[in-house]
Each structure stands twice: as C-alpha cells, then as structure tokens.
Amino acid sequence: EVEQAQARLRVLANLTDLATITVHIQEVYGYQ
C-alpha cells in the first residue's frame, strides 16, 4: 500500500511541477 501511494504521489508531483502545452500547427501556402 505504501508503494502504491508513493507511485500516485510521484504522478501528482510530476503533473504539478511541469505544465503541459499542446500546440497544433497547420500549414497554409500563401497564407496571409
């Protein structure tokens, strides 16, 4: 149970220490 809780705590720490930015880029020739 301690190992399971520690694994969950590591996941939460990773999510809160590092933010996630997802960027979608579309290319259009001659775009203005």
All heavy atoms as atom14 arrays in JSON, in Angstrom:
{
  "sequence": "EVEQAQARLRVLANLTDLATITVHIQEVYGYQ",
  "atom14_mask": [
    [1, 1, 1, 1, 1, 1, 1, 1, 1, 0, 0, 0, 0, 0],
    [1, 1, 1, 1, 1, 1, 1, 0, 0, 0, 0, 0, 0, 0],
    [1, 1, 1, 1, 1, 1, 1, 1, 1, 0, 0, 0, 0, 0],
    [1, 1, 1, 1, 1, 1, 1, 1, 1, 0, 0, 0, 0, 0],
    [1, 1, 1, 1, 1, 0, 0, 0, 0, 0, 0, 0, 0, 0],
    [1, 1, 1, 1, 1, 1, 1, 1, 1, 0, 0, 0, 0, 0],
    [1, 1, 1, 1, 1, 0, 0, 0, 0, 0, 0, 0, 0, 0],
    [1, 1, 1, 1, 1, 1, 1, 1, 1, 1, 1, 0, 0, 0],
    [1, 1, 1, 1, 1, 1, 1, 1, 0, 0, 0, 0, 0, 0],
    [1, 1, 1, 1, 1, 1, 1, 1, 1, 1, 1, 0, 0, 0],
    [1, 1, 1, 1, 1, 1, 1, 0, 0, 0, 0, 0, 0, 0],
    [1, 1, 1, 1, 1, 1, 1, 1, 0, 0, 0, 0, 0, 0],
    [1, 1, 1, 1, 1, 0, 0, 0, 0, 0, 0, 0, 0, 0],
    [1, 1, 1, 1, 1, 1, 1, 1, 0, 0, 0, 0, 0, 0],
    [1, 1, 1, 1, 1, 1, 1, 1, 0, 0, 0, 0, 0, 0],
    [1, 1, 1, 1, 1, 1, 1, 0, 0, 0, 0, 0, 0, 0],
    [1, 1, 1, 1, 1, 1, 1, 1, 0, 0, 0, 0, 0, 0],
    [1, 1, 1, 1, 1, 1, 1, 1, 0, 0, 0, 0, 0, 0],
    [1, 1, 1, 1, 1, 0, 0, 0, 0, 0, 0, 0, 0, 0],
    [1, 1, 1, 1, 1, 1, 1, 0, 0, 0, 0, 0, 0, 0],
    [1, 1, 1, 1, 1, 1, 1, 1, 0, 0, 0, 0, 0, 0],
    [1, 1, 1, 1, 1, 1, 1, 0, 0, 0, 0, 0, 0, 0],
    [1, 1, 1, 1, 1, 1, 1, 0, 0, 0, 0, 0, 0, 0],
    [1, 1, 1, 1, 1, 1, 1, 1, 1, 1, 0, 0, 0, 0],
    [1, 1, 1, 1, 1, 1, 1, 1, 0, 0, 0, 0, 0, 0],
    [1, 1, 1, 1, 1, 1, 1, 1, 1, 0, 0, 0, 0, 0],
    [1, 1, 1, 1, 1, 1, 1, 1, 1, 0, 0, 0, 0, 0],
    [1, 1, 1, 1, 1, 1, 1, 0, 0, 0, 0, 0, 0, 0],
    [1, 1, 1, 1, 1, 1, 1, 1, 1, 1, 1, 1, 0, 0],
    [1, 1, 1, 1, 0, 0, 0, 0, 0, 0, 0, 0, 0, 0],
    [1, 1, 1, 1, 1, 1, 1, 1, 1, 1, 1, 1, 0, 0],
    [1, 1, 1, 1, 1, 1, 1, 1, 1, 0, 0, 0, 0, 0]
  ],
  "atom14_positions": [
    [[0.83, -1.21, 0.0], [0.0, 0.0, 0.0], [0.86, 1.26, 0.0], [0.51, 2.26, -0.64], [-0.93, -0.02, 1.21], [-1.96, -1.14, 1.17], [-2.83, -1.17, 2.42], [-2.56, -0.37, 3.33], [-3.76, -1.99, 2.48], [0.0, 0.0, 0.0], [0.0, 0.0, 0.0], [0.0, 0.0, 0.0], [0.0, 0.0, 0.0], [0.0, 0.0, 0.0]],
    [[1.99, 1.22, 0.71], [2.9, 2.36, 0.72], [3.47, 2.6, -0.68], [3.53, 3.75, -1.16], [4.04, 2.15, 1.73], [5.12, 3.2, 1.57], [3.5, 2.2, 3.15], [0.0, 0.0, 0.0], [0.0, 0.0, 0.0], [0.0, 0.0, 0.0], [0.0, 0.0, 0.0], [0.0, 0.0, 0.0], [0.0, 0.0, 0.0], [0.0, 0.0, 0.0]],
    [[3.86, 1.54, -1.37], [4.42, 1.69, -2.71], [3.39, 2.25, -3.69], [3.71, 3.08, -4.54], [4.96, 0.34, -3.19], [6.19, -0.13, -2.43], [6.63, -1.52, -2.84], [5.92, -2.13, -3.68], [7.66, -1.99, -2.33], [0.0, 0.0, 0.0], [0.0, 0.0, 0.0], [0.0, 0.0, 0.0], [0.0, 0.0, 0.0], [0.0, 0.0, 0.0]],
    [[2.14, 1.78, -3.58], [1.09, 2.3, -4.46], [0.85, 3.78, -4.2], [0.71, 4.58, -5.15], [-0.2, 1.52, -4.25], [-0.15, 0.08, -4.74], [-1.44, -0.66, -4.49], [-2.36, -0.14, -3.88], [-1.52, -1.9, -4.95], [0.0, 0.0, 0.0], [0.0, 0.0, 0.0], [0.0, 0.0, 0.0], [0.0, 0.0, 0.0], [0.0, 0.0, 0.0]],
    [[0.81, 4.16, -2.94], [0.6, 5.57, -2.61], [1.77, 6.43, -3.07], [1.59, 7.55, -3.56], [0.38, 5.73, -1.11], [0.0, 0.0, 0.0], [0.0, 0.0, 0.0], [0.0, 0.0, 0.0], [0.0, 0.0, 0.0], [0.0, 0.0, 0.0], [0.0, 0.0, 0.0], [0.0, 0.0, 0.0], [0.0, 0.0, 0.0], [0.0, 0.0, 0.0]],
    [[2.99, 5.93, -2.93], [4.17, 6.68, -3.38], [4.16, 6.85, -4.9], [4.56, 7.9, -5.4], [5.44, 5.96, -2.93], [5.7, 6.07, -1.43], [6.9, 5.27, -0.99], [7.33, 4.34, -1.68], [7.45, 5.6, 0.17], [0.0, 0.0, 0.0], [0.0, 0.0, 0.0], [0.0, 0.0, 0.0], [0.0, 0.0, 0.0], [0.0, 0.0, 0.0]],
    [[3.71, 5.83, -5.63], [3.62, 5.95, -7.09], [2.61, 7.02, -7.48], [2.87, 7.84, -8.39], [3.23, 4.6, -7.7], [0.0, 0.0, 0.0], [0.0, 0.0, 0.0], [0.0, 0.0, 0.0], [0.0, 0.0, 0.0], [0.0, 0.0, 0.0], [0.0, 0.0, 0.0], [0.0, 0.0, 0.0], [0.0, 0.0, 0.0], [0.0, 0.0, 0.0]],
    [[1.47, 7.06, -6.81], [0.47, 8.09, -7.1], [1.0, 9.47, -6.76], [0.76, 10.44, -7.49], [-0.81, 7.8, -6.31], [-1.91, 8.84, -6.52], [-2.26, 8.98, -7.99], [-3.26, 10.01, -8.21], [-3.58, 10.48, -9.4], [-2.97, 10.03, -10.49], [-4.5, 11.41, -9.53], [0.0, 0.0, 0.0], [0.0, 0.0, 0.0], [0.0, 0.0, 0.0]],
    [[1.75, 9.57, -5.66], [2.31, 10.87, -5.27], [3.32, 11.36, -6.29], [3.38, 12.55, -6.59], [2.96, 10.75, -3.89], [3.38, 12.06, -3.23], [2.15, 12.9, -2.91], [4.18, 11.79, -1.96], [0.0, 0.0, 0.0], [0.0, 0.0, 0.0], [0.0, 0.0, 0.0], [0.0, 0.0, 0.0], [0.0, 0.0, 0.0], [0.0, 0.0, 0.0]],
    [[4.1, 10.45, -6.86], [5.06, 10.85, -7.9], [4.34, 11.36, -9.15], [4.79, 12.32, -9.79], [5.97, 9.67, -8.26], [7.03, 9.36, -7.2], [8.08, 8.41, -7.74], [7.5, 7.11, -8.07], [7.46, 6.09, -7.22], [7.93, 6.23, -5.99], [6.95, 4.93, -7.59], [0.0, 0.0, 0.0], [0.0, 0.0, 0.0], [0.0, 0.0, 0.0]],
    [[3.23, 10.73, -9.5], [2.46, 11.18, -10.66], [1.92, 12.59, -10.42], [2.01, 13.48, -11.27], [1.31, 10.19, -10.96], [0.37, 10.77, -12.02], [1.87, 8.86, -11.43], [0.0, 0.0, 0.0], [0.0, 0.0, 0.0], [0.0, 0.0, 0.0], [0.0, 0.0, 0.0], [0.0, 0.0, 0.0], [0.0, 0.0, 0.0], [0.0, 0.0, 0.0]],
    [[1.35, 12.82, -9.25], [0.81, 14.14, -8.93], [1.91, 15.19, -8.89], [1.71, 16.32, -9.35], [0.08, 14.08, -7.58], [-1.21, 13.26, -7.53], [-1.74, 13.19, -6.11], [-2.26, 13.83, -8.47], [0.0, 0.0, 0.0], [0.0, 0.0, 0.0], [0.0, 0.0, 0.0], [0.0, 0.0, 0.0], [0.0, 0.0, 0.0], [0.0, 0.0, 0.0]],
    [[3.07, 14.83, -8.35], [4.18, 15.78, -8.29], [4.65, 16.14, -9.69], [4.94, 17.3, -9.99], [5.33, 15.2, -7.48], [0.0, 0.0, 0.0], [0.0, 0.0, 0.0], [0.0, 0.0, 0.0], [0.0, 0.0, 0.0], [0.0, 0.0, 0.0], [0.0, 0.0, 0.0], [0.0, 0.0, 0.0], [0.0, 0.0, 0.0], [0.0, 0.0, 0.0]],
    [[4.68, 15.15, -10.59], [5.11, 15.43, -11.97], [4.11, 16.32, -12.68], [4.5, 17.24, -13.42], [5.27, 14.11, -12.73], [5.69, 14.3, -14.17], [4.85, 14.35, -15.07], [6.98, 14.41, -14.4], [0.0, 0.0, 0.0], [0.0, 0.0, 0.0], [0.0, 0.0, 0.0], [0.0, 0.0, 0.0], [0.0, 0.0, 0.0], [0.0, 0.0, 0.0]],
    [[2.82, 16.09, -12.46], [1.8, 16.89, -13.12], [1.78, 18.33, -12.61], [1.47, 19.26, -13.37], [0.42, 16.25, -12.92], [0.17, 14.93, -13.64], [-1.18, 14.36, -13.24], [0.24, 15.09, -15.15], [0.0, 0.0, 0.0], [0.0, 0.0, 0.0], [0.0, 0.0, 0.0], [0.0, 0.0, 0.0], [0.0, 0.0, 0.0], [0.0, 0.0, 0.0]],
    [[2.07, 18.52, -11.33], [2.03, 19.86, -10.77], [3.33, 20.63, -10.96], [3.32, 21.85, -11.02], [1.69, 19.79, -9.27], [2.63, 18.91, -8.61], [0.29, 19.25, -9.07], [0.0, 0.0, 0.0], [0.0, 0.0, 0.0], [0.0, 0.0, 0.0], [0.0, 0.0, 0.0], [0.0, 0.0, 0.0], [0.0, 0.0, 0.0], [0.0, 0.0, 0.0]],
    [[4.44, 19.92, -11.05], [5.73, 20.6, -11.25], [5.93, 21.02, -12.71], [6.58, 22.03, -12.99], [6.89, 19.7, -10.83], [6.91, 19.45, -9.33], [6.27, 20.24, -8.61], [7.54, 18.48, -8.88], [0.0, 0.0, 0.0], [0.0, 0.0, 0.0], [0.0, 0.0, 0.0], [0.0, 0.0, 0.0], [0.0, 0.0, 0.0], [0.0, 0.0, 0.0]],
    [[5.38, 20.25, -13.64], [5.54, 20.54, -15.07], [4.16, 20.75, -15.7], [3.3, 19.86, -15.62], [6.27, 19.39, -15.78], [7.71, 19.12, -15.35], [8.25, 17.9, -16.08], [8.59, 20.34, -15.62], [0.0, 0.0, 0.0], [0.0, 0.0, 0.0], [0.0, 0.0, 0.0], [0.0, 0.0, 0.0], [0.0, 0.0, 0.0], [0.0, 0.0, 0.0]],
    [[3.97, 21.9, -16.31], [2.72, 22.18, -17.03], [2.78, 21.57, -18.44], [3.87, 21.33, -18.98], [2.49, 23.69, -17.12], [0.0, 0.0, 0.0], [0.0, 0.0, 0.0], [0.0, 0.0, 0.0], [0.0, 0.0, 0.0], [0.0, 0.0, 0.0], [0.0, 0.0, 0.0], [0.0, 0.0, 0.0], [0.0, 0.0, 0.0], [0.0, 0.0, 0.0]],
    [[1.62, 21.33, -19.02], [1.52, 20.71, -20.34], [0.92, 21.7, -21.33], [-0.16, 22.24, -21.09], [0.66, 19.44, -20.3], [1.22, 18.53, -19.34], [0.61, 18.77, -21.65], [0.0, 0.0, 0.0], [0.0, 0.0, 0.0], [0.0, 0.0, 0.0], [0.0, 0.0, 0.0], [0.0, 0.0, 0.0], [0.0, 0.0, 0.0], [0.0, 0.0, 0.0]],
    [[1.62, 21.93, -22.44], [1.13, 22.81, -23.51], [1.1, 21.99, -24.8], [2.14, 21.52, -25.27], [2.01, 24.05, -23.68], [2.1, 24.85, -22.38], [1.47, 24.93, -24.81], [3.0, 26.07, -22.47], [0.0, 0.0, 0.0], [0.0, 0.0, 0.0], [0.0, 0.0, 0.0], [0.0, 0.0, 0.0], [0.0, 0.0, 0.0], [0.0, 0.0, 0.0]],
    [[-0.08, 21.82, -25.37], [-0.24, 21.09, -26.62], [-0.47, 22.1, -27.74], [-1.41, 22.9, -27.67], [-1.41, 20.1, -26.54], [-1.21, 19.22, -25.43], [-1.52, 19.29, -27.82], [0.0, 0.0, 0.0], [0.0, 0.0, 0.0], [0.0, 0.0, 0.0], [0.0, 0.0, 0.0], [0.0, 0.0, 0.0], [0.0, 0.0, 0.0], [0.0, 0.0, 0.0]],
    [[0.39, 22.05, -28.76], [0.35, 23.03, -29.85], [0.03, 22.3, -31.15], [0.73, 21.36, -31.53], [1.69, 23.78, -29.99], [1.59, 24.85, -31.07], [2.09, 24.42, -28.65], [0.0, 0.0, 0.0], [0.0, 0.0, 0.0], [0.0, 0.0, 0.0], [0.0, 0.0, 0.0], [0.0, 0.0, 0.0], [0.0, 0.0, 0.0], [0.0, 0.0, 0.0]],
    [[-1.04, 22.73, -31.82], [-1.42, 22.2, -33.14], [-1.06, 23.26, -34.18], [-1.51, 24.41, -34.08], [-2.91, 21.9, -33.19], [-3.4, 21.04, -32.07], [-3.33, 19.66, -32.09], [-3.94, 21.37, -30.86], [-3.83, 19.18, -30.97], [-4.21, 20.21, -30.21], [0.0, 0.0, 0.0], [0.0, 0.0, 0.0], [0.0, 0.0, 0.0], [0.0, 0.0, 0.0]],
    [[-0.27, 22.88, -35.18], [0.17, 23.83, -36.21], [-0.32, 23.33, -37.57], [-0.1, 22.19, -37.94], [1.7, 23.95, -36.23], [2.23, 24.33, -34.84], [2.15, 24.98, -37.26], [3.75, 24.4, -34.77], [0.0, 0.0, 0.0], [0.0, 0.0, 0.0], [0.0, 0.0, 0.0], [0.0, 0.0, 0.0], [0.0, 0.0, 0.0], [0.0, 0.0, 0.0]],
    [[-0.99, 24.22, -38.28], [-1.48, 23.92, -39.63], [-0.78, 24.83, -40.63], [-0.69, 26.04, -40.42], [-2.99, 24.09, -39.72], [-3.57, 23.7, -41.07], [-5.08, 23.82, -41.1], [-5.71, 24.14, -40.1], [-5.66, 23.57, -42.26], [0.0, 0.0, 0.0], [0.0, 0.0, 0.0], [0.0, 0.0, 0.0], [0.0, 0.0, 0.0], [0.0, 0.0, 0.0]],
    [[-0.3, 24.23, -41.7], [0.44, 24.98, -42.71], [-0.48, 25.3, -43.89], [-1.23, 24.44, -44.37], [1.64, 24.15, -43.19], [2.54, 24.86, -44.17], [3.71, 23.99, -44.58], [3.48, 22.82, -44.97], [4.86, 24.45, -44.5], [0.0, 0.0, 0.0], [0.0, 0.0, 0.0], [0.0, 0.0, 0.0], [0.0, 0.0, 0.0], [0.0, 0.0, 0.0]],
    [[-0.43, 26.55, -44.36], [-1.23, 27.0, -45.5], [-0.32, 27.79, -46.42], [0.27, 28.8, -46.0], [-2.42, 27.87, -45.05], [-3.22, 28.34, -46.26], [-3.32, 27.1, -44.08], [0.0, 0.0, 0.0], [0.0, 0.0, 0.0], [0.0, 0.0, 0.0], [0.0, 0.0, 0.0], [0.0, 0.0, 0.0], [0.0, 0.0, 0.0], [0.0, 0.0, 0.0]],
    [[-0.17, 27.34, -47.66], [0.69, 28.05, -48.62], [0.07, 29.39, -49.01], [-1.13, 29.49, -49.24], [0.9, 27.21, -49.88], [1.73, 25.97, -49.63], [1.59, 24.85, -50.44], [2.65, 25.91, -48.59], [2.36, 23.7, -50.22], [3.41, 24.78, -48.36], [3.25, 23.68, -49.18], [4.01, 22.56, -48.95], [0.0, 0.0, 0.0], [0.0, 0.0, 0.0]],
    [[0.9, 30.41, -49.08], [0.42, 31.73, -49.44], [-0.51, 32.34, -48.41], [-1.34, 33.17, -48.76], [0.0, 0.0, 0.0], [0.0, 0.0, 0.0], [0.0, 0.0, 0.0], [0.0, 0.0, 0.0], [0.0, 0.0, 0.0], [0.0, 0.0, 0.0], [0.0, 0.0, 0.0], [0.0, 0.0, 0.0], [0.0, 0.0, 0.0], [0.0, 0.0, 0.0]],
    [[-0.35, 31.91, -47.18], [-1.27, 32.38, -46.14], [-0.98, 33.83, -45.77], [0.17, 34.26, -45.69], [-1.13, 31.5, -44.9], [-1.88, 32.03, -43.71], [-3.26, 31.92, -43.65], [-1.2, 32.65, -42.67], [-3.96, 32.42, -42.58], [-1.9, 33.14, -41.59], [-3.28, 33.03, -41.55], [-3.96, 33.53, -40.48], [0.0, 0.0, 0.0], [0.0, 0.0, 0.0]],
    [[-2.07, 34.59, -45.59], [-1.98, 35.97, -45.12], [-2.86, 36.12, -43.9], [-4.02, 35.72, -43.92], [-2.43, 36.95, -46.21], [-1.54, 36.98, -47.43], [-2.03, 37.98, -48.46], [-3.08, 38.6, -48.27], [-1.28, 38.13, -49.53], [0.0, 0.0, 0.0], [0.0, 0.0, 0.0], [0.0, 0.0, 0.0], [0.0, 0.0, 0.0], [0.0, 0.0, 0.0]]
  ]
}
